[in-house]
Each structure stands twice: as C-alpha cells, then as structure tokens.
Amino acid sequence: MRLVNIGYGNAVVAERVVAIVSPESAPMKRFKEEARKAGRLIDGTQGRRTRSILITDSDHIVLSALQTETVAERLERGGVGAAGAASGSLAGDAEVGARDEV
C-alpha cells in the first residue's frame, strides 16, 4: 500500500485514486455536493480552499488544498518516502510551493 500526500498531513492510498480533477467546473461542483449528501465526501483541505478533487475506485471524493498538478506529480513520484514515514510526517509537506498556498 502506497500513500500519497495530498497536503497538510493528509494522505490517500495511491492505488485507489482513479482521477484528479479541478473543482472549478459546474459539473464537478455538483458532483462534490452529491458526494457530500451521500456521505462519500472526505475533506482533506483543513479549512483551506479546494484546489483539486480526487476520485477513488470506491466512489469516494477526496478534497485537497493542493493544485491538481502537484497531487499528480506526487502520485507519479511515489507518494510517501521512507524518510517521511520514519519521521511520522508525510513527504512533501515542506515542499508546498507558493502556487499551493492561499
């Protein structure tokens, strides 16, 4: 099981992520609200603005405060490294760039 940091101490199982999409379109906003009503929404933004939506194979919707590109790069890169897992923090927390900060 490989975890991927989605920002601010939150992670998802990489193998379960089906898609990473931008939350800006009207269909994605409706999709997010439908998931909230159905109890399938997981908010990993820590109160920050939603910048990407992750869709899992179990039809859960995970909100992230990181840009879609950033999450995609982390998925490709391999998620949590050995150093991050050993220290108890998730890899990439210090790497949050200016484009991901509010």
PDB file of N, CA and C in Angstrom:
ATOM      1  N   MET A   1       0.848  -1.178   0.000  1.00  0.00           N
ATOM      2  CA  MET A   1       0.000   0.000   0.000  1.00  0.00           C
ATOM      3  C   MET A   1       0.895   1.242   0.000  1.00  0.00           C
ATOM      4  N   ARG A   2       0.688   2.079  -1.003  1.00  0.00           N
ATOM      5  CA  ARG A   2       1.496   3.285  -1.164  1.00  0.00           C
ATOM      6  C   ARG A   2       0.635   4.501  -0.883  1.00  0.00           C
ATOM      7  N   LEU A   3       1.047   5.328   0.072  1.00  0.00           N
ATOM      8  CA  LEU A   3       0.314   6.544   0.424  1.00  0.00           C
ATOM      9  C   LEU A   3       0.863   7.734  -0.349  1.00  0.00           C
ATOM     10  N   VAL A   4      -0.030   8.640  -0.707  1.00  0.00           N
ATOM     11  CA  VAL A   4       0.362   9.863  -1.399  1.00  0.00           C
ATOM     12  C   VAL A   4      -0.124  11.053  -0.578  1.00  0.00           C
ATOM     13  N   ASN A   5       0.790  11.961  -0.318  1.00  0.00           N
ATOM     14  CA  ASN A   5       0.486  13.166   0.441  1.00  0.00           C
ATOM     15  C   ASN A   5      -0.412  14.076  -0.397  1.00  0.00           C
ATOM     16  N   ILE A   6      -1.558  14.448   0.175  1.00  0.00           N
ATOM     17  CA  ILE A   6      -2.445  15.396  -0.518  1.00  0.00           C
ATOM     18  C   ILE A   6      -2.442  16.747   0.189  1.00  0.00           C
ATOM     19  N   GLY A   7      -1.480  16.930   1.093  1.00  0.00           N
ATOM     20  CA  GLY A   7      -1.299  18.219   1.748  1.00  0.00           C
ATOM     21  C   GLY A   7      -1.756  18.263   3.185  1.00  0.00           C
ATOM     22  N   TYR A   8      -1.019  19.021   3.986  1.00  0.00           N
ATOM     23  CA  TYR A   8      -1.366  19.333   5.365  1.00  0.00           C
ATOM     24  C   TYR A   8      -1.580  18.090   6.226  1.00  0.00           C
ATOM     25  N   GLY A   9      -0.701  17.108   6.073  1.00  0.00           N
ATOM     26  CA  GLY A   9      -0.754  15.918   6.910  1.00  0.00           C
ATOM     27  C   GLY A   9      -1.768  14.878   6.491  1.00  0.00           C
ATOM     28  N   ASN A  10      -2.347  14.996   5.309  1.00  0.00           N
ATOM     29  CA  ASN A  10      -3.341  14.051   4.826  1.00  0.00           C
ATOM     30  C   ASN A  10      -2.770  13.219   3.686  1.00  0.00           C
ATOM     31  N   ALA A  11      -3.220  11.969   3.588  1.00  0.00           N
ATOM     32  CA  ALA A  11      -2.730  11.078   2.538  1.00  0.00           C
ATOM     33  C   ALA A  11      -3.854  10.170   2.062  1.00  0.00           C
ATOM     34  N   VAL A  12      -3.707   9.694   0.830  1.00  0.00           N
ATOM     35  CA  VAL A  12      -4.637   8.719   0.271  1.00  0.00           C
ATOM     36  C   VAL A  12      -3.829   7.545  -0.254  1.00  0.00           C
ATOM     37  N   VAL A  13      -4.480   6.395  -0.406  1.00  0.00           N
ATOM     38  CA  VAL A  13      -3.832   5.217  -0.971  1.00  0.00           C
ATOM     39  C   VAL A  13      -3.756   5.416  -2.483  1.00  0.00           C
ATOM     40  N   ALA A  14      -2.558   5.427  -3.021  1.00  0.00           N
ATOM     41  CA  ALA A  14      -2.337   5.750  -4.430  1.00  0.00           C
ATOM     42  C   ALA A  14      -3.097   4.816  -5.365  1.00  0.00           C
ATOM     43  N   GLU A  15      -3.123   3.545  -5.045  1.00  0.00           N
ATOM     44  CA  GLU A  15      -3.758   2.567  -5.916  1.00  0.00           C
ATOM     45  C   GLU A  15      -5.264   2.746  -6.016  1.00  0.00           C
ATOM     46  N   ARG A  16      -5.872   3.474  -5.085  1.00  0.00           N
ATOM     47  CA  ARG A  16      -7.321   3.664  -5.074  1.00  0.00           C
ATOM     48  C   ARG A  16      -7.760   4.909  -5.849  1.00  0.00           C
ATOM     49  N   VAL A  17      -6.822   5.792  -6.202  1.00  0.00           N
ATOM     50  CA  VAL A  17      -7.158   7.033  -6.898  1.00  0.00           C
ATOM     51  C   VAL A  17      -7.382   6.733  -8.382  1.00  0.00           C
ATOM     52  N   VAL A  18      -8.566   7.120  -8.861  1.00  0.00           N
ATOM     53  CA  VAL A  18      -8.938   6.900 -10.254  1.00  0.00           C
ATOM     54  C   VAL A  18      -8.694   8.159 -11.081  1.00  0.00           C
ATOM     55  N   ALA A  19      -8.975   9.329 -10.489  1.00  0.00           N
ATOM     56  CA  ALA A  19      -8.831  10.586 -11.228  1.00  0.00           C
ATOM     57  C   ALA A  19      -8.538  11.733 -10.271  1.00  0.00           C
ATOM     58  N   ILE A  20      -7.861  12.752 -10.818  1.00  0.00           N
ATOM     59  CA  ILE A  20      -7.613  14.005 -10.099  1.00  0.00           C
ATOM     60  C   ILE A  20      -8.138  15.099 -11.013  1.00  0.00           C
ATOM     61  N   VAL A  21      -9.099  15.864 -10.527  1.00  0.00           N
ATOM     62  CA  VAL A  21      -9.743  16.868 -11.379  1.00  0.00           C
ATOM     63  C   VAL A  21      -9.794  18.221 -10.685  1.00  0.00           C
ATOM     64  N   SER A  22      -9.970  19.247 -11.488  1.00  0.00           N
ATOM     65  CA  SER A  22     -10.118  20.603 -10.979  1.00  0.00           C
ATOM     66  C   SER A  22     -11.537  20.795 -10.462  1.00  0.00           C
ATOM     67  N   PRO A  23     -11.709  21.503  -9.355  1.00  0.00           N
ATOM     68  CA  PRO A  23     -13.039  21.703  -8.777  1.00  0.00           C
ATOM     69  C   PRO A  23     -13.810  22.872  -9.362  1.00  0.00           C
ATOM     70  N   GLU A  24     -13.277  23.542 -10.363  1.00  0.00           N
ATOM     71  CA  GLU A  24     -13.844  24.798 -10.845  1.00  0.00           C
ATOM     72  C   GLU A  24     -15.093  24.654 -11.712  1.00  0.00           C
ATOM     73  N   SER A  25     -15.246  23.548 -12.424  1.00  0.00           N
ATOM     74  CA  SER A  25     -16.380  23.430 -13.342  1.00  0.00           C
ATOM     75  C   SER A  25     -17.683  23.162 -12.591  1.00  0.00           C
ATOM     76  N   ALA A  26     -18.773  23.569 -13.188  1.00  0.00           N
ATOM     77  CA  ALA A  26     -20.089  23.365 -12.575  1.00  0.00           C
ATOM     78  C   ALA A  26     -20.389  21.875 -12.359  1.00  0.00           C
ATOM     79  N   PRO A  27     -20.071  20.986 -13.310  1.00  0.00           N
ATOM     80  CA  PRO A  27     -20.331  19.565 -13.072  1.00  0.00           C
ATOM     81  C   PRO A  27     -19.562  19.012 -11.866  1.00  0.00           C
ATOM     82  N   MET A  28     -18.331  19.461 -11.670  1.00  0.00           N
ATOM     83  CA  MET A  28     -17.550  18.967 -10.527  1.00  0.00           C
ATOM     84  C   MET A  28     -18.101  19.529  -9.222  1.00  0.00           C
ATOM     85  N   LYS A  29     -18.599  20.744  -9.245  1.00  0.00           N
ATOM     86  CA  LYS A  29     -19.221  21.311  -8.041  1.00  0.00           C
ATOM     87  C   LYS A  29     -20.469  20.516  -7.672  1.00  0.00           C
ATOM     88  N   ARG A  30     -21.266  20.147  -8.673  1.00  0.00           N
ATOM     89  CA  ARG A  30     -22.452  19.313  -8.414  1.00  0.00           C
ATOM     90  C   ARG A  30     -22.048  17.939  -7.914  1.00  0.00           C
ATOM     91  N   PHE A  31     -21.025  17.364  -8.524  1.00  0.00           N
ATOM     92  CA  PHE A  31     -20.522  16.045  -8.132  1.00  0.00           C
ATOM     93  C   PHE A  31     -20.077  16.052  -6.672  1.00  0.00           C
ATOM     94  N   LYS A  32     -19.394  17.131  -6.281  1.00  0.00           N
ATOM     95  CA  LYS A  32     -18.925  17.288  -4.898  1.00  0.00           C
ATOM     96  C   LYS A  32     -20.108  17.368  -3.935  1.00  0.00           C
ATOM     97  N   GLU A  33     -21.128  18.126  -4.283  1.00  0.00           N
ATOM     98  CA  GLU A  33     -22.300  18.253  -3.415  1.00  0.00           C
ATOM     99  C   GLU A  33     -23.084  16.946  -3.315  1.00  0.00           C
ATOM    100  N   GLU A  34     -23.177  16.209  -4.425  1.00  0.00           N
ATOM    101  CA  GLU A  34     -23.846  14.907  -4.396  1.00  0.00           C
ATOM    102  C   GLU A  34     -23.106  13.947  -3.463  1.00  0.00           C
ATOM    103  N   ALA A  35     -21.769  13.971  -3.520  1.00  0.00           N
ATOM    104  CA  ALA A  35     -20.968  13.114  -2.650  1.00  0.00           C
ATOM    105  C   ALA A  35     -21.142  13.511  -1.184  1.00  0.00           C
ATOM    106  N   ARG A  36     -21.233  14.814  -0.917  1.00  0.00           N
ATOM    107  CA  ARG A  36     -21.437  15.298   0.451  1.00  0.00           C
ATOM    108  C   ARG A  36     -22.765  14.766   1.000  1.00  0.00           C
ATOM    109  N   LYS A  37     -23.828  14.868   0.199  1.00  0.00           N
ATOM    110  CA  LYS A  37     -25.147  14.405   0.624  1.00  0.00           C
ATOM    111  C   LYS A  37     -25.183  12.892   0.827  1.00  0.00           C
ATOM    112  N   ALA A  38     -24.418  12.160   0.023  1.00  0.00           N
ATOM    113  CA  ALA A  38     -24.404  10.697   0.107  1.00  0.00           C
ATOM    114  C   ALA A  38     -23.429  10.182   1.167  1.00  0.00           C
ATOM    115  N   GLY A  39     -22.674  11.077   1.803  1.00  0.00           N
ATOM    116  CA  GLY A  39     -21.721  10.669   2.829  1.00  0.00           C
ATOM    117  C   GLY A  39     -20.443  10.066   2.262  1.00  0.00           C
ATOM    118  N   ARG A  40     -20.108  10.413   1.026  1.00  0.00           N
ATOM    119  CA  ARG A  40     -18.912   9.880   0.367  1.00  0.00           C
ATOM    120  C   ARG A  40     -17.820  10.936   0.203  1.00  0.00           C
ATOM    121  N   LEU A  41     -17.971  12.096   0.862  1.00  0.00           N
ATOM    122  CA  LEU A  41     -17.009  13.187   0.723  1.00  0.00           C
ATOM    123  C   LEU A  41     -16.023  13.175   1.884  1.00  0.00           C
ATOM    124  N   ILE A  42     -14.745  13.260   1.548  1.00  0.00           N
ATOM    125  CA  ILE A  42     -13.684  13.354   2.545  1.00  0.00           C
ATOM    126  C   ILE A  42     -12.967  14.675   2.303  1.00  0.00           C
ATOM    127  N   ASP A  43     -13.029  15.567   3.290  1.00  0.00           N
ATOM    128  CA  ASP A  43     -12.445  16.897   3.146  1.00  0.00           C
ATOM    129  C   ASP A  43     -11.051  16.923   3.757  1.00  0.00           C
ATOM    130  N   GLY A  44     -10.039  16.953   2.907  1.00  0.00           N
ATOM    131  CA  GLY A  44      -8.652  16.995   3.362  1.00  0.00           C
ATOM    132  C   GLY A  44      -8.036  18.370   3.215  1.00  0.00           C
ATOM    133  N   THR A  45      -8.869  19.409   3.149  1.00  0.00           N
ATOM    134  CA  THR A  45      -8.347  20.759   2.908  1.00  0.00           C
ATOM    135  C   THR A  45      -7.926  21.489   4.176  1.00  0.00           C
ATOM    136  N   GLN A  46      -8.317  20.979   5.344  1.00  0.00           N
ATOM    137  CA  GLN A  46      -8.005  21.646   6.612  1.00  0.00           C
ATOM    138  C   GLN A  46      -8.547  23.075   6.628  1.00  0.00           C
ATOM    139  N   GLY A  47      -9.710  23.277   6.022  1.00  0.00           N
ATOM    140  CA  GLY A  47     -10.351  24.584   6.020  1.00  0.00           C
ATOM    141  C   GLY A  47      -9.874  25.527   4.939  1.00  0.00           C
ATOM    142  N   ARG A  48      -8.962  25.079   4.113  1.00  0.00           N
ATOM    143  CA  ARG A  48      -8.459  25.925   3.030  1.00  0.00           C
ATOM    144  C   ARG A  48      -9.293  25.733   1.766  1.00  0.00           C
ATOM    145  N   ARG A  49      -9.020  26.531   0.772  1.00  0.00           N
ATOM    146  CA  ARG A  49      -9.745  26.463  -0.493  1.00  0.00           C
ATOM    147  C   ARG A  49      -9.455  25.138  -1.208  1.00  0.00           C
ATOM    148  N   THR A  50     -10.481  24.524  -1.764  1.00  0.00           N
ATOM    149  CA  THR A  50     -10.316  23.282  -2.518  1.00  0.00           C
ATOM    150  C   THR A  50      -9.698  23.595  -3.869  1.00  0.00           C
ATOM    151  N   ARG A  51      -8.568  22.965  -4.163  1.00  0.00           N
ATOM    152  CA  ARG A  51      -7.873  23.200  -5.433  1.00  0.00           C
ATOM    153  C   ARG A  51      -7.821  21.956  -6.308  1.00  0.00           C
ATOM    154  N   SER A  52      -8.150  20.784  -5.728  1.00  0.00           N
ATOM    155  CA  SER A  52      -8.247  19.579  -6.538  1.00  0.00           C
ATOM    156  C   SER A  52      -9.196  18.589  -5.875  1.00  0.00           C
ATOM    157  N   ILE A  53      -9.796  17.757  -6.711  1.00  0.00           N
ATOM    158  CA  ILE A  53     -10.705  16.714  -6.250  1.00  0.00           C
ATOM    159  C   ILE A  53     -10.158  15.378  -6.717  1.00  0.00           C
ATOM    160  N   LEU A  54     -10.015  14.452  -5.773  1.00  0.00           N
ATOM    161  CA  LEU A  54      -9.560  13.110  -6.098  1.00  0.00           C
ATOM    162  C   LEU A  54     -10.762  12.178  -6.051  1.00  0.00           C
ATOM    163  N   ILE A  55     -10.908  11.371  -7.072  1.00  0.00           N
ATOM    164  CA  ILE A  55     -11.994  10.402  -7.141  1.00  0.00           C
ATOM    165  C   ILE A  55     -11.380   9.022  -6.957  1.00  0.00           C
ATOM    166  N   THR A  56     -11.962   8.225  -6.044  1.00  0.00           N
ATOM    167  CA  THR A  56     -11.415   6.905  -5.757  1.00  0.00           C
ATOM    168  C   THR A  56     -12.239   5.814  -6.428  1.00  0.00           C
ATOM    169  N   ASP A  57     -11.702   4.607  -6.432  1.00  0.00           N
ATOM    170  CA  ASP A  57     -12.397   3.479  -7.038  1.00  0.00           C
ATOM    171  C   ASP A  57     -13.630   3.053  -6.245  1.00  0.00           C
ATOM    172  N   SER A  58     -13.774   3.549  -5.026  1.00  0.00           N
ATOM    173  CA  SER A  58     -14.956   3.247  -4.208  1.00  0.00           C
ATOM    174  C   SER A  58     -15.995   4.368  -4.306  1.00  0.00           C
ATOM    175  N   ASP A  59     -15.810   5.276  -5.269  1.00  0.00           N
ATOM    176  CA  ASP A  59     -16.693   6.426  -5.495  1.00  0.00           C
ATOM    177  C   ASP A  59     -16.664   7.441  -4.366  1.00  0.00           C
ATOM    178  N   HIS A  60     -15.629   7.430  -3.538  1.00  0.00           N
ATOM    179  CA  HIS A  60     -15.448   8.486  -2.549  1.00  0.00           C
ATOM    180  C   HIS A  60     -14.769   9.657  -3.246  1.00  0.00           C
ATOM    181  N   ILE A  61     -15.062  10.846  -2.754  1.00  0.00           N
ATOM    182  CA  ILE A  61     -14.492  12.074  -3.285  1.00  0.00           C
ATOM    183  C   ILE A  61     -13.619  12.682  -2.190  1.00  0.00           C
ATOM    184  N   VAL A  62     -12.349  12.936  -2.518  1.00  0.00           N
ATOM    185  CA  VAL A  62     -11.413  13.497  -1.549  1.00  0.00           C
ATOM    186  C   VAL A  62     -11.026  14.895  -2.024  1.00  0.00           C
ATOM    187  N   LEU A  63     -11.203  15.879  -1.151  1.00  0.00           N
ATOM    188  CA  LEU A  63     -10.848  17.258  -1.470  1.00  0.00           C
ATOM    189  C   LEU A  63      -9.443  17.555  -0.977  1.00  0.00           C
ATOM    190  N   SER A  64      -8.675  18.259  -1.787  1.00  0.00           N
ATOM    191  CA  SER A  64      -7.318  18.644  -1.413  1.00  0.00           C
ATOM    192  C   SER A  64      -7.122  20.129  -1.646  1.00  0.00           C
ATOM    193  N   ALA A  65      -6.305  20.738  -0.818  1.00  0.00           N
ATOM    194  CA  ALA A  65      -5.975  22.154  -0.971  1.00  0.00           C
ATOM    195  C   ALA A  65      -4.781  22.350  -1.892  1.00  0.00           C
ATOM    196  N   LEU A  66      -4.213  21.271  -2.412  1.00  0.00           N
ATOM    197  CA  LEU A  66      -3.089  21.364  -3.335  1.00  0.00           C
ATOM    198  C   LEU A  66      -3.587  21.397  -4.774  1.00  0.00           C
ATOM    199  N   GLN A  67      -2.812  22.027  -5.644  1.00  0.00           N
ATOM    200  CA  GLN A  67      -3.142  22.092  -7.059  1.00  0.00           C
ATOM    201  C   GLN A  67      -3.212  20.685  -7.653  1.00  0.00           C
ATOM    202  N   THR A  68      -4.035  20.521  -8.669  1.00  0.00           N
ATOM    203  CA  THR A  68      -4.181  19.242  -9.343  1.00  0.00           C
ATOM    204  C   THR A  68      -2.826  18.729  -9.839  1.00  0.00           C
ATOM    205  N   GLU A  69      -2.017  19.606 -10.410  1.00  0.00           N
ATOM    206  CA  GLU A  69      -0.706  19.225 -10.939  1.00  0.00           C
ATOM    207  C   GLU A  69       0.213  18.722  -9.835  1.00  0.00           C
ATOM    208  N   THR A  70       0.155  19.351  -8.680  1.00  0.00           N
ATOM    209  CA  THR A  70       1.003  18.959  -7.555  1.00  0.00           C
ATOM    210  C   THR A  70       0.645  17.556  -7.082  1.00  0.00           C
ATOM    211  N   VAL A  71      -0.645  17.282  -6.936  1.00  0.00           N
ATOM    212  CA  VAL A  71      -1.075  15.959  -6.498  1.00  0.00           C
ATOM    213  C   VAL A  71      -0.684  14.915  -7.547  1.00  0.00           C
ATOM    214  N   ALA A  72      -0.852  15.237  -8.817  1.00  0.00           N
ATOM    215  CA  ALA A  72      -0.489  14.311  -9.895  1.00  0.00           C
ATOM    216  C   ALA A  72       1.010  14.005  -9.872  1.00  0.00           C
ATOM    217  N   GLU A  73       1.826  15.019  -9.651  1.00  0.00           N
ATOM    218  CA  GLU A  73       3.273  14.813  -9.563  1.00  0.00           C
ATOM    219  C   GLU A  73       3.623  13.883  -8.406  1.00  0.00           C
ATOM    220  N   ARG A  74       2.951  14.066  -7.282  1.00  0.00           N
ATOM    221  CA  ARG A  74       3.210  13.227  -6.117  1.00  0.00           C
ATOM    222  C   ARG A  74       2.788  11.785  -6.370  1.00  0.00           C
ATOM    223  N   LEU A  75       1.700  11.600  -7.108  1.00  0.00           N
ATOM    224  CA  LEU A  75       1.272  10.250  -7.468  1.00  0.00           C
ATOM    225  C   LEU A  75       2.321   9.584  -8.356  1.00  0.00           C
ATOM    226  N   GLU A  76       2.825  10.318  -9.328  1.00  0.00           N
ATOM    227  CA  GLU A  76       3.847   9.791 -10.227  1.00  0.00           C
ATOM    228  C   GLU A  76       5.159   9.520  -9.504  1.00  0.00           C
ATOM    229  N   ARG A  77       5.501  10.390  -8.570  1.00  0.00           N
ATOM    230  CA  ARG A  77       6.770  10.333  -7.851  1.00  0.00           C
ATOM    231  C   ARG A  77       6.819   9.186  -6.855  1.00  0.00           C
ATOM    232  N   GLY A  78       5.671   8.781  -6.359  1.00  0.00           N
ATOM    233  CA  GLY A  78       5.685   7.656  -5.440  1.00  0.00           C
ATOM    234  C   GLY A  78       5.138   7.948  -4.074  1.00  0.00           C
ATOM    235  N   GLY A  79       4.658   9.146  -3.797  1.00  0.00           N
ATOM    236  CA  GLY A  79       3.973   9.415  -2.527  1.00  0.00           C
ATOM    237  C   GLY A  79       4.905   9.598  -1.356  1.00  0.00           C
ATOM    238  N   VAL A  80       4.703   8.821  -0.287  1.00  0.00           N
ATOM    239  CA  VAL A  80       5.444   8.968   0.953  1.00  0.00           C
ATOM    240  C   VAL A  80       6.750   8.202   0.859  1.00  0.00           C
ATOM    241  N   GLY A  81       7.859   8.891   1.096  1.00  0.00           N
ATOM    242  CA  GLY A  81       9.159   8.249   1.068  1.00  0.00           C
ATOM    243  C   GLY A  81       9.502   7.646   2.411  1.00  0.00           C
ATOM    244  N   ALA A  82      10.582   6.879   2.459  1.00  0.00           N
ATOM    245  CA  ALA A  82      10.993   6.213   3.691  1.00  0.00           C
ATOM    246  C   ALA A  82      11.321   7.219   4.787  1.00  0.00           C
ATOM    247  N   ALA A  83      11.957   8.331   4.431  1.00  0.00           N
ATOM    248  CA  ALA A  83      12.301   9.342   5.435  1.00  0.00           C
ATOM    249  C   ALA A  83      11.050   9.964   6.032  1.00  0.00           C
ATOM    250  N   GLY A  84      10.063  10.247   5.205  1.00  0.00           N
ATOM    251  CA  GLY A  84       8.825  10.841   5.685  1.00  0.00           C
ATOM    252  C   GLY A  84       8.067   9.893   6.585  1.00  0.00           C
ATOM    253  N   ALA A  85       8.035   8.618   6.240  1.00  0.00           N
ATOM    254  CA  ALA A  85       7.312   7.633   7.038  1.00  0.00           C
ATOM    255  C   ALA A  85       8.003   7.419   8.376  1.00  0.00           C
ATOM    256  N   ALA A  86       9.334   7.463   8.382  1.00  0.00           N
ATOM    257  CA  ALA A  86      10.072   7.222   9.616  1.00  0.00           C
ATOM    258  C   ALA A  86       9.903   8.366  10.607  1.00  0.00           C
ATOM    259  N   SER A  87       9.804   9.589  10.095  1.00  0.00           N
ATOM    260  CA  SER A  87       9.708  10.735  10.992  1.00  0.00           C
ATOM    261  C   SER A  87       8.278  11.012  11.438  1.00  0.00           C
ATOM    262  N   GLY A  88       7.323  10.301  10.838  1.00  0.00           N
ATOM    263  CA  GLY A  88       5.935  10.497  11.224  1.00  0.00           C
ATOM    264  C   GLY A  88       5.229  11.600  10.452  1.00  0.00           C
ATOM    265  N   SER A  89       5.957  12.277   9.570  1.00  0.00           N
ATOM    266  CA  SER A  89       5.311  13.293   8.746  1.00  0.00           C
ATOM    267  C   SER A  89       5.233  12.777   7.322  1.00  0.00           C
ATOM    268  N   LEU A  90       4.381  13.384   6.542  1.00  0.00           N
ATOM    269  CA  LEU A  90       4.216  12.937   5.166  1.00  0.00           C
ATOM    270  C   LEU A  90       5.165  13.695   4.262  1.00  0.00           C
ATOM    271  N   ALA A  91       5.772  12.985   3.331  1.00  0.00           N
ATOM    272  CA  ALA A  91       6.714  13.593   2.392  1.00  0.00           C
ATOM    273  C   ALA A  91       6.036  14.701   1.622  1.00  0.00           C
ATOM    274  N   GLY A  92       6.741  15.776   1.458  1.00  0.00           N
ATOM    275  CA  GLY A  92       6.226  16.858   0.640  1.00  0.00           C
ATOM    276  C   GLY A  92       5.602  18.000   1.428  1.00  0.00           C
ATOM    277  N   ASP A  93       5.397  17.862   2.734  1.00  0.00           N
ATOM    278  CA  ASP A  93       4.795  18.956   3.488  1.00  0.00           C
ATOM    279  C   ASP A  93       5.626  20.218   3.401  1.00  0.00           C
ATOM    280  N   ALA A  94       6.951  20.064   3.403  1.00  0.00           N
ATOM    281  CA  ALA A  94       7.821  21.228   3.312  1.00  0.00           C
ATOM    282  C   ALA A  94       7.934  21.727   1.879  1.00  0.00           C
ATOM    283  N   GLU A  95       7.444  20.901   0.929  1.00  0.00           N
ATOM    284  CA  GLU A  95       7.577  21.259  -0.477  1.00  0.00           C
ATOM    285  C   GLU A  95       6.381  22.027  -1.021  1.00  0.00           C
ATOM    286  N   VAL A  96       5.426  22.357  -0.183  1.00  0.00           N
ATOM    287  CA  VAL A  96       4.249  23.068  -0.671  1.00  0.00           C
ATOM    288  C   VAL A  96       4.711  24.403  -1.226  1.00  0.00           C
ATOM    289  N   GLY A  97       4.518  24.577  -2.525  1.00  0.00           N
ATOM    290  CA  GLY A  97       5.013  25.757  -3.214  1.00  0.00           C
ATOM    291  C   GLY A  97       4.087  26.933  -3.068  1.00  0.00           C
ATOM    292  N   ALA A  98       4.518  28.060  -3.557  1.00  0.00           N
ATOM    293  CA  ALA A  98       3.714  29.293  -3.476  1.00  0.00           C
ATOM    294  C   ALA A  98       2.400  29.142  -4.204  1.00  0.00           C
ATOM    295  N   ARG A  99       2.351  28.318  -5.261  1.00  0.00           N
ATOM    296  CA  ARG A  99       1.113  28.149  -6.014  1.00  0.00           C
ATOM    297  C   ARG A  99       0.061  27.414  -5.208  1.00  0.00           C
ATOM    298  N   ASP A 100       0.468  26.691  -4.133  1.00  0.00           N
ATOM    299  CA  ASP A 100      -0.461  25.932  -3.319  1.00  0.00           C
ATOM    300  C   ASP A 100      -0.888  26.649  -2.061  1.00  0.00           C
ATOM    301  N   GLU A 101      -0.240  27.764  -1.758  1.00  0.00           N
ATOM    302  CA  GLU A 101      -0.601  28.498  -0.552  1.00  0.00           C
ATOM    303  C   GLU A 101      -1.682  29.501  -0.852  1.00  0.00           C
ATOM    304  N   VAL A 102      -2.539  29.736   0.130  1.00  0.00           N
ATOM    305  CA  VAL A 102      -3.652  30.663  -0.054  1.00  0.00           C
ATOM    306  C   VAL A 102      -3.196  32.073   0.181  1.00  0.00           C
TER     307      VAL A 102
END
